[in-house]
């Protein structure tokens, strides 16, 4: 019971999209449908082409969603952190997995089966609206990522990534601290750039006073990042 209560509190704190319109009582009722699971760093969760029977909500850690080219090059679509839902596409449309998902750090997730999701949608129609909003936002995020890779310098792409990570794209906050769990190689896969170019971009942001690095922690100057994020060649 204590474990259930802690998961409910964490879901509300993380503002998980699937539960956007649910009351506390409703969340308590549906959380038992989820099953906790843990993944070690670098553990493959699923592969592109796998049959899908479940989706995941991250409670802690970070996941990478990526594909590999025939010659072994990796393209990372995005990374997901606490509060985010992943693996939903194939569960919703009945197809196979569209990408690989790998744990970047020790991660705890809640697993919801396809059958239980269908039951939730049937008995709680409001969830359908939340899912539509979630999928539309995912499409917007993907469009913005493609736009960044196609149109913006690597420094601007990195600035936009950090703004999204800090969730401060429209905020007037002065500074925000974020934790970066990706290596520069992994970050390069997300930004569509090589590791050396990512390293140069970090130095550029530091020299501009947009970030200060403290190991994996970054202090971000939001206004300076916003200015750099609009730098189109």
C-alpha atoms as a PDB file:
ATOM      1  CA  UNK A   1       0.000   0.000   0.000  1.00  0.00           C
ATOM      2  CA  UNK A   2       2.833   2.398   0.854  1.00  0.00           C
ATOM      3  CA  UNK A   3       4.496   1.609  -2.483  1.00  0.00           C
ATOM      4  CA  UNK A   4       1.213   2.310  -4.319  1.00  0.00           C
ATOM      5  CA  UNK A   5       0.822   5.659  -2.542  1.00  0.00           C
ATOM      6  CA  UNK A   6       4.369   6.693  -3.407  1.00  0.00           C
ATOM      7  CA  UNK A   7       3.828   5.841  -7.104  1.00  0.00           C
ATOM      8  CA  UNK A   8       0.585   7.852  -7.163  1.00  0.00           C
ATOM      9  CA  UNK A   9       2.355  10.852  -5.616  1.00  0.00           C
ATOM     10  CA  UNK A  10       5.217  10.532  -8.091  1.00  0.00           C
ATOM     11  CA  UNK A  11       2.869  10.318 -11.099  1.00  0.00           C
ATOM     12  CA  UNK A  12       1.080  13.493 -10.027  1.00  0.00           C
ATOM     13  CA  UNK A  13       4.367  15.262  -9.309  1.00  0.00           C
ATOM     14  CA  UNK A  14       5.801  14.312 -12.728  1.00  0.00           C
ATOM     15  CA  UNK A  15       2.583  15.354 -14.522  1.00  0.00           C
ATOM     16  CA  UNK A  16       2.446  12.192 -16.637  1.00  0.00           C
ATOM     17  CA  UNK A  17       0.460  12.977 -19.842  1.00  0.00           C
ATOM     18  CA  UNK A  18      -1.744   9.883 -19.668  1.00  0.00           C
ATOM     19  CA  UNK A  19      -3.182  11.083 -16.341  1.00  0.00           C
ATOM     20  CA  UNK A  20      -3.660  14.733 -17.293  1.00  0.00           C
ATOM     21  CA  UNK A  21      -7.419  14.919 -16.595  1.00  0.00           C
ATOM     22  CA  UNK A  22      -7.656  12.260 -13.897  1.00  0.00           C
ATOM     23  CA  UNK A  23      -8.565  12.987 -10.308  1.00  0.00           C
ATOM     24  CA  UNK A  24      -6.426  11.602  -7.499  1.00  0.00           C
ATOM     25  CA  UNK A  25      -9.055   8.907  -6.874  1.00  0.00           C
ATOM     26  CA  UNK A  26      -8.999   7.858 -10.536  1.00  0.00           C
ATOM     27  CA  UNK A  27      -5.217   7.625 -10.543  1.00  0.00           C
ATOM     28  CA  UNK A  28      -5.305   5.431  -7.436  1.00  0.00           C
ATOM     29  CA  UNK A  29      -7.788   3.169  -9.248  1.00  0.00           C
ATOM     30  CA  UNK A  30      -5.666   2.690 -12.386  1.00  0.00           C
ATOM     31  CA  UNK A  31      -2.119   2.588 -10.985  1.00  0.00           C
ATOM     32  CA  UNK A  32      -2.460  -1.116  -9.975  1.00  0.00           C
ATOM     33  CA  UNK A  33      -2.646  -1.873 -13.714  1.00  0.00           C
ATOM     34  CA  UNK A  34       0.986  -0.779 -14.007  1.00  0.00           C
ATOM     35  CA  UNK A  35       3.918  -3.027 -13.196  1.00  0.00           C
ATOM     36  CA  UNK A  36       7.286  -1.586 -12.114  1.00  0.00           C
ATOM     37  CA  UNK A  37      10.396  -2.646 -13.981  1.00  0.00           C
ATOM     38  CA  UNK A  38      14.046  -1.639 -13.786  1.00  0.00           C
ATOM     39  CA  UNK A  39      16.669  -1.341 -16.525  1.00  0.00           C
ATOM     40  CA  UNK A  40      20.430  -1.106 -16.161  1.00  0.00           C
ATOM     41  CA  UNK A  41      22.541   1.485 -18.017  1.00  0.00           C
ATOM     42  CA  UNK A  42      22.964   0.568 -21.715  1.00  0.00           C
ATOM     43  CA  UNK A  43      20.327  -2.178 -21.463  1.00  0.00           C
ATOM     44  CA  UNK A  44      18.251  -2.587 -24.636  1.00  0.00           C
ATOM     45  CA  UNK A  45      14.547  -2.319 -23.783  1.00  0.00           C
ATOM     46  CA  UNK A  46      13.209  -3.173 -27.244  1.00  0.00           C
ATOM     47  CA  UNK A  47      14.378  -3.200 -30.865  1.00  0.00           C
ATOM     48  CA  UNK A  48      12.932  -1.803 -34.070  1.00  0.00           C
ATOM     49  CA  UNK A  49      10.583  -4.375 -35.601  1.00  0.00           C
ATOM     50  CA  UNK A  50       9.707  -6.061 -32.290  1.00  0.00           C
ATOM     51  CA  UNK A  51       6.067  -6.888 -31.626  1.00  0.00           C
ATOM     52  CA  UNK A  52       4.666  -4.422 -29.072  1.00  0.00           C
ATOM     53  CA  UNK A  53       2.538  -5.377 -26.101  1.00  0.00           C
ATOM     54  CA  UNK A  54       3.267  -2.590 -23.617  1.00  0.00           C
ATOM     55  CA  UNK A  55       4.155   1.054 -23.159  1.00  0.00           C
ATOM     56  CA  UNK A  56       6.371   2.624 -20.507  1.00  0.00           C
ATOM     57  CA  UNK A  57       6.226   5.617 -18.179  1.00  0.00           C
ATOM     58  CA  UNK A  58       9.570   6.692 -16.774  1.00  0.00           C
ATOM     59  CA  UNK A  59       9.757   7.269 -13.035  1.00  0.00           C
ATOM     60  CA  UNK A  60      13.519   7.796 -12.964  1.00  0.00           C
ATOM     61  CA  UNK A  61      16.533   7.559 -15.255  1.00  0.00           C
ATOM     62  CA  UNK A  62      16.647   8.253 -18.986  1.00  0.00           C
ATOM     63  CA  UNK A  63      15.922   6.381 -22.222  1.00  0.00           C
ATOM     64  CA  UNK A  64      17.229   6.879 -25.763  1.00  0.00           C
ATOM     65  CA  UNK A  65      15.043   6.223 -28.811  1.00  0.00           C
ATOM     66  CA  UNK A  66      17.149   5.616 -31.924  1.00  0.00           C
ATOM     67  CA  UNK A  67      17.629   3.702 -35.180  1.00  0.00           C
ATOM     68  CA  UNK A  68      20.721   2.253 -36.852  1.00  0.00           C
ATOM     69  CA  UNK A  69      21.654   2.557 -40.510  1.00  0.00           C
ATOM     70  CA  UNK A  70      22.843  -0.568 -42.402  1.00  0.00           C
ATOM     71  CA  UNK A  71      26.453   0.564 -41.879  1.00  0.00           C
ATOM     72  CA  UNK A  72      25.978   0.940 -38.119  1.00  0.00           C
ATOM     73  CA  UNK A  73      25.496   4.705 -37.831  1.00  0.00           C
ATOM     74  CA  UNK A  74      23.011   5.756 -35.174  1.00  0.00           C
ATOM     75  CA  UNK A  75      20.323   8.420 -35.377  1.00  0.00           C
ATOM     76  CA  UNK A  76      18.743   9.263 -32.027  1.00  0.00           C
ATOM     77  CA  UNK A  77      15.233  10.681 -32.367  1.00  0.00           C
ATOM     78  CA  UNK A  78      15.087  11.840 -28.786  1.00  0.00           C
ATOM     79  CA  UNK A  79      15.737  11.010 -25.170  1.00  0.00           C
ATOM     80  CA  UNK A  80      13.061  10.608 -22.517  1.00  0.00           C
ATOM     81  CA  UNK A  81      13.231  11.343 -18.797  1.00  0.00           C
ATOM     82  CA  UNK A  82      11.031  11.099 -15.689  1.00  0.00           C
ATOM     83  CA  UNK A  83       7.336  11.690 -16.333  1.00  0.00           C
ATOM     84  CA  UNK A  84       7.530  10.887 -20.040  1.00  0.00           C
ATOM     85  CA  UNK A  85       5.697   8.090 -21.835  1.00  0.00           C
ATOM     86  CA  UNK A  86       7.546   5.980 -24.418  1.00  0.00           C
ATOM     87  CA  UNK A  87       6.799   3.008 -26.645  1.00  0.00           C
ATOM     88  CA  UNK A  88       3.231   4.142 -27.267  1.00  0.00           C
ATOM     89  CA  UNK A  89       3.120   4.201 -31.087  1.00  0.00           C
ATOM     90  CA  UNK A  90       3.148   0.463 -31.754  1.00  0.00           C
ATOM     91  CA  UNK A  91       0.844  -0.178 -28.797  1.00  0.00           C
ATOM     92  CA  UNK A  92      -1.730   2.260 -30.156  1.00  0.00           C
ATOM     93  CA  UNK A  93      -1.629   1.309 -33.851  1.00  0.00           C
ATOM     94  CA  UNK A  94      -0.962  -2.424 -33.455  1.00  0.00           C
ATOM     95  CA  UNK A  95       2.202  -2.298 -35.559  1.00  0.00           C
ATOM     96  CA  UNK A  96       5.788  -3.161 -34.687  1.00  0.00           C
ATOM     97  CA  UNK A  97       8.316  -0.994 -32.870  1.00  0.00           C
ATOM     98  CA  UNK A  98       9.502   1.921 -35.000  1.00  0.00           C
ATOM     99  CA  UNK A  99      12.867   2.325 -33.240  1.00  0.00           C
ATOM    100  CA  UNK A 100      15.207   0.906 -30.616  1.00  0.00           C
ATOM    101  CA  UNK A 101      14.946   2.020 -26.998  1.00  0.00           C
ATOM    102  CA  UNK A 102      17.970   1.831 -24.698  1.00  0.00           C
ATOM    103  CA  UNK A 103      18.415   2.843 -21.062  1.00  0.00           C
ATOM    104  CA  UNK A 104      21.057   5.566 -20.760  1.00  0.00           C
ATOM    105  CA  UNK A 105      21.119   5.346 -16.967  1.00  0.00           C
ATOM    106  CA  UNK A 106      19.681   3.150 -14.241  1.00  0.00           C
ATOM    107  CA  UNK A 107      15.965   3.560 -14.913  1.00  0.00           C
ATOM    108  CA  UNK A 108      12.714   2.632 -13.225  1.00  0.00           C
ATOM    109  CA  UNK A 109       9.573   2.490 -15.350  1.00  0.00           C
ATOM    110  CA  UNK A 110       5.925   1.617 -15.025  1.00  0.00           C
ATOM    111  CA  UNK A 111       4.706  -0.823 -17.676  1.00  0.00           C
ATOM    112  CA  UNK A 112       1.139  -0.775 -19.036  1.00  0.00           C
ATOM    113  CA  UNK A 113      -0.030  -3.573 -21.322  1.00  0.00           C
ATOM    114  CA  UNK A 114      -1.873  -2.996 -24.598  1.00  0.00           C
ATOM    115  CA  UNK A 115      -4.935  -4.819 -23.229  1.00  0.00           C
ATOM    116  CA  UNK A 116      -5.060  -2.704 -20.063  1.00  0.00           C
ATOM    117  CA  UNK A 117      -4.654   0.498 -22.092  1.00  0.00           C
ATOM    118  CA  UNK A 118      -7.564  -0.502 -24.334  1.00  0.00           C
ATOM    119  CA  UNK A 119      -9.646  -1.184 -21.219  1.00  0.00           C
ATOM    120  CA  UNK A 120      -8.744   2.216 -19.764  1.00  0.00           C
ATOM    121  CA  UNK A 121      -9.755   4.004 -22.964  1.00  0.00           C
ATOM    122  CA  UNK A 122     -13.048   2.096 -23.100  1.00  0.00           C
ATOM    123  CA  UNK A 123     -14.008   2.934 -19.506  1.00  0.00           C
ATOM    124  CA  UNK A 124     -12.417   6.407 -19.196  1.00  0.00           C
ATOM    125  CA  UNK A 125     -13.013   8.264 -22.490  1.00  0.00           C
ATOM    126  CA  UNK A 126     -11.160  11.369 -21.228  1.00  0.00           C
ATOM    127  CA  UNK A 127      -7.926   9.417 -21.627  1.00  0.00           C
ATOM    128  CA  UNK A 128      -8.465   9.436 -25.403  1.00  0.00           C
ATOM    129  CA  UNK A 129      -8.326  13.238 -25.382  1.00  0.00           C
ATOM    130  CA  UNK A 130      -5.148  13.173 -23.310  1.00  0.00           C
ATOM    131  CA  UNK A 131      -3.574  10.697 -25.738  1.00  0.00           C
ATOM    132  CA  UNK A 132      -4.501  12.845 -28.745  1.00  0.00           C
ATOM    133  CA  UNK A 133      -2.939  15.905 -27.106  1.00  0.00           C
ATOM    134  CA  UNK A 134       0.128  13.868 -26.191  1.00  0.00           C
ATOM    135  CA  UNK A 135       0.586  12.553 -29.748  1.00  0.00           C
ATOM    136  CA  UNK A 136       0.093  16.024 -31.246  1.00  0.00           C
ATOM    137  CA  UNK A 137       2.766  17.430 -28.932  1.00  0.00           C
ATOM    138  CA  UNK A 138       5.074  14.553 -29.879  1.00  0.00           C
ATOM    139  CA  UNK A 139       4.555  15.427 -33.567  1.00  0.00           C
ATOM    140  CA  UNK A 140       5.310  19.094 -32.852  1.00  0.00           C
ATOM    141  CA  UNK A 141       8.502  18.127 -31.005  1.00  0.00           C
ATOM    142  CA  UNK A 142       9.622  15.912 -33.897  1.00  0.00           C
ATOM    143  CA  UNK A 143       8.937  18.702 -36.417  1.00  0.00           C
ATOM    144  CA  UNK A 144      10.972  21.151 -34.325  1.00  0.00           C
ATOM    145  CA  UNK A 145      13.839  18.672 -34.079  1.00  0.00           C
ATOM    146  CA  UNK A 146      13.911  18.180 -37.867  1.00  0.00           C
ATOM    147  CA  UNK A 147      13.740  21.945 -38.355  1.00  0.00           C
ATOM    148  CA  UNK A 148      16.679  22.461 -35.997  1.00  0.00           C
ATOM    149  CA  UNK A 149      18.854  19.893 -37.777  1.00  0.00           C
ATOM    150  CA  UNK A 150      18.001  21.264 -41.220  1.00  0.00           C
ATOM    151  CA  UNK A 151      18.177  25.001 -40.574  1.00  0.00           C
ATOM    152  CA  UNK A 152      20.212  25.840 -37.471  1.00  0.00           C
ATOM    153  CA  UNK A 153      23.901  25.899 -36.603  1.00  0.00           C
ATOM    154  CA  UNK A 154      25.087  23.246 -34.147  1.00  0.00           C
ATOM    155  CA  UNK A 155      25.405  25.930 -31.414  1.00  0.00           C
ATOM    156  CA  UNK A 156      21.761  26.877 -31.935  1.00  0.00           C
ATOM    157  CA  UNK A 157      20.710  23.217 -31.943  1.00  0.00           C
ATOM    158  CA  UNK A 158      22.525  22.641 -28.655  1.00  0.00           C
ATOM    159  CA  UNK A 159      20.954  25.776 -27.167  1.00  0.00           C
ATOM    160  CA  UNK A 160      17.488  24.624 -28.215  1.00  0.00           C
ATOM    161  CA  UNK A 161      18.142  21.178 -26.753  1.00  0.00           C
ATOM    162  CA  UNK A 162      19.181  22.689 -23.408  1.00  0.00           C
ATOM    163  CA  UNK A 163      16.144  24.981 -23.400  1.00  0.00           C
ATOM    164  CA  UNK A 164      13.881  21.991 -23.976  1.00  0.00           C
ATOM    165  CA  UNK A 165      15.713  20.037 -21.286  1.00  0.00           C
ATOM    166  CA  UNK A 166      15.167  22.864 -18.822  1.00  0.00           C
ATOM    167  CA  UNK A 167      11.565  23.225 -20.038  1.00  0.00           C
ATOM    168  CA  UNK A 168      12.049  26.961 -20.110  1.00  0.00           C
ATOM    169  CA  UNK A 169      11.592  27.805 -23.814  1.00  0.00           C
ATOM    170  CA  UNK A 170       9.120  30.608 -23.038  1.00  0.00           C
ATOM    171  CA  UNK A 171      10.214  31.392 -19.490  1.00  0.00           C
ATOM    172  CA  UNK A 172      11.642  34.685 -18.306  1.00  0.00           C
ATOM    173  CA  UNK A 173      13.717  32.964 -15.612  1.00  0.00           C
ATOM    174  CA  UNK A 174      17.303  34.151 -15.425  1.00  0.00           C
ATOM    175  CA  UNK A 175      19.155  30.895 -14.808  1.00  0.00           C
ATOM    176  CA  UNK A 176      18.211  27.229 -14.561  1.00  0.00           C
ATOM    177  CA  UNK A 177      20.288  24.234 -13.540  1.00  0.00           C
ATOM    178  CA  UNK A 178      19.942  21.049 -15.578  1.00  0.00           C
ATOM    179  CA  UNK A 179      21.534  17.613 -15.380  1.00  0.00           C
ATOM    180  CA  UNK A 180      22.964  16.234 -18.623  1.00  0.00           C
ATOM    181  CA  UNK A 181      23.130  12.434 -18.604  1.00  0.00           C
ATOM    182  CA  UNK A 182      24.044  12.078 -22.298  1.00  0.00           C
ATOM    183  CA  UNK A 183      27.625  11.735 -23.450  1.00  0.00           C
ATOM    184  CA  UNK A 184      28.731  14.104 -26.204  1.00  0.00           C
ATOM    185  CA  UNK A 185      28.594  11.190 -28.655  1.00  0.00           C
ATOM    186  CA  UNK A 186      24.992  10.425 -27.658  1.00  0.00           C
ATOM    187  CA  UNK A 187      24.106  14.104 -27.782  1.00  0.00           C
ATOM    188  CA  UNK A 188      25.612  14.304 -31.256  1.00  0.00           C
ATOM    189  CA  UNK A 189      23.290  11.521 -32.397  1.00  0.00           C
ATOM    190  CA  UNK A 190      20.311  13.552 -31.159  1.00  0.00           C
ATOM    191  CA  UNK A 191      21.522  16.836 -32.686  1.00  0.00           C
ATOM    192  CA  UNK A 192      22.702  15.385 -35.992  1.00  0.00           C
ATOM    193  CA  UNK A 193      26.351  16.303 -35.464  1.00  0.00           C
ATOM    194  CA  UNK A 194      29.688  14.651 -34.705  1.00  0.00           C
ATOM    195  CA  UNK A 195      31.146  14.525 -31.202  1.00  0.00           C
ATOM    196  CA  UNK A 196      33.907  17.069 -32.015  1.00  0.00           C
ATOM    197  CA  UNK A 197      31.305  19.541 -33.298  1.00  0.00           C
ATOM    198  CA  UNK A 198      29.233  19.090 -30.132  1.00  0.00           C
ATOM    199  CA  UNK A 199      32.343  19.736 -28.037  1.00  0.00           C
ATOM    200  CA  UNK A 200      33.066  22.942 -29.992  1.00  0.00           C
ATOM    201  CA  UNK A 201      29.430  24.016 -29.533  1.00  0.00           C
ATOM    202  CA  UNK A 202      29.698  23.582 -25.756  1.00  0.00           C
ATOM    203  CA  UNK A 203      32.801  25.780 -25.715  1.00  0.00           C
ATOM    204  CA  UNK A 204      30.959  28.370 -27.819  1.00  0.00           C
ATOM    205  CA  UNK A 205      28.050  28.471 -25.354  1.00  0.00           C
ATOM    206  CA  UNK A 206      30.478  28.781 -22.433  1.00  0.00           C
ATOM    207  CA  UNK A 207      32.369  31.632 -24.075  1.00  0.00           C
ATOM    208  CA  UNK A 208      29.074  33.403 -24.740  1.00  0.00           C
ATOM    209  CA  UNK A 209      28.150  33.080 -21.051  1.00  0.00           C
ATOM    210  CA  UNK A 210      25.092  30.975 -21.887  1.00  0.00           C
ATOM    211  CA  UNK A 211      26.193  28.002 -19.763  1.00  0.00           C
ATOM    212  CA  UNK A 212      28.579  27.095 -16.942  1.00  0.00           C
ATOM    213  CA  UNK A 213      29.595  23.453 -16.638  1.00  0.00           C
ATOM    214  CA  UNK A 214      30.022  21.620 -13.340  1.00  0.00           C
ATOM    215  CA  UNK A 215      30.597  18.020 -14.411  1.00  0.00           C
ATOM    216  CA  UNK A 216      27.251  16.711 -15.650  1.00  0.00           C
ATOM    217  CA  UNK A 217      25.441  19.737 -14.193  1.00  0.00           C
ATOM    218  CA  UNK A 218      24.912  22.852 -16.289  1.00  0.00           C
ATOM    219  CA  UNK A 219      23.905  26.313 -15.141  1.00  0.00           C
ATOM    220  CA  UNK A 220      22.002  27.811 -18.069  1.00  0.00           C
ATOM    221  CA  UNK A 221      21.384  31.477 -18.751  1.00  0.00           C
ATOM    222  CA  UNK A 222      17.955  31.228 -20.356  1.00  0.00           C
ATOM    223  CA  UNK A 223      17.971  34.580 -22.140  1.00  0.00           C
ATOM    224  CA  UNK A 224      21.395  33.990 -23.701  1.00  0.00           C
ATOM    225  CA  UNK A 225      20.386  30.490 -24.769  1.00  0.00           C
ATOM    226  CA  UNK A 226      17.214  31.893 -26.340  1.00  0.00           C
ATOM    227  CA  UNK A 227      19.279  34.396 -28.323  1.00  0.00           C
ATOM    228  CA  UNK A 228      21.695  31.702 -29.555  1.00  0.00           C
ATOM    229  CA  UNK A 229      18.829  29.311 -30.331  1.00  0.00           C
ATOM    230  CA  UNK A 230      17.586  31.640 -33.082  1.00  0.00           C
ATOM    231  CA  UNK A 231      20.966  31.856 -34.841  1.00  0.00           C
ATOM    232  CA  UNK A 232      20.229  30.751 -38.407  1.00  0.00           C
ATOM    233  CA  UNK A 233      23.160  30.703 -40.889  1.00  0.00           C
END
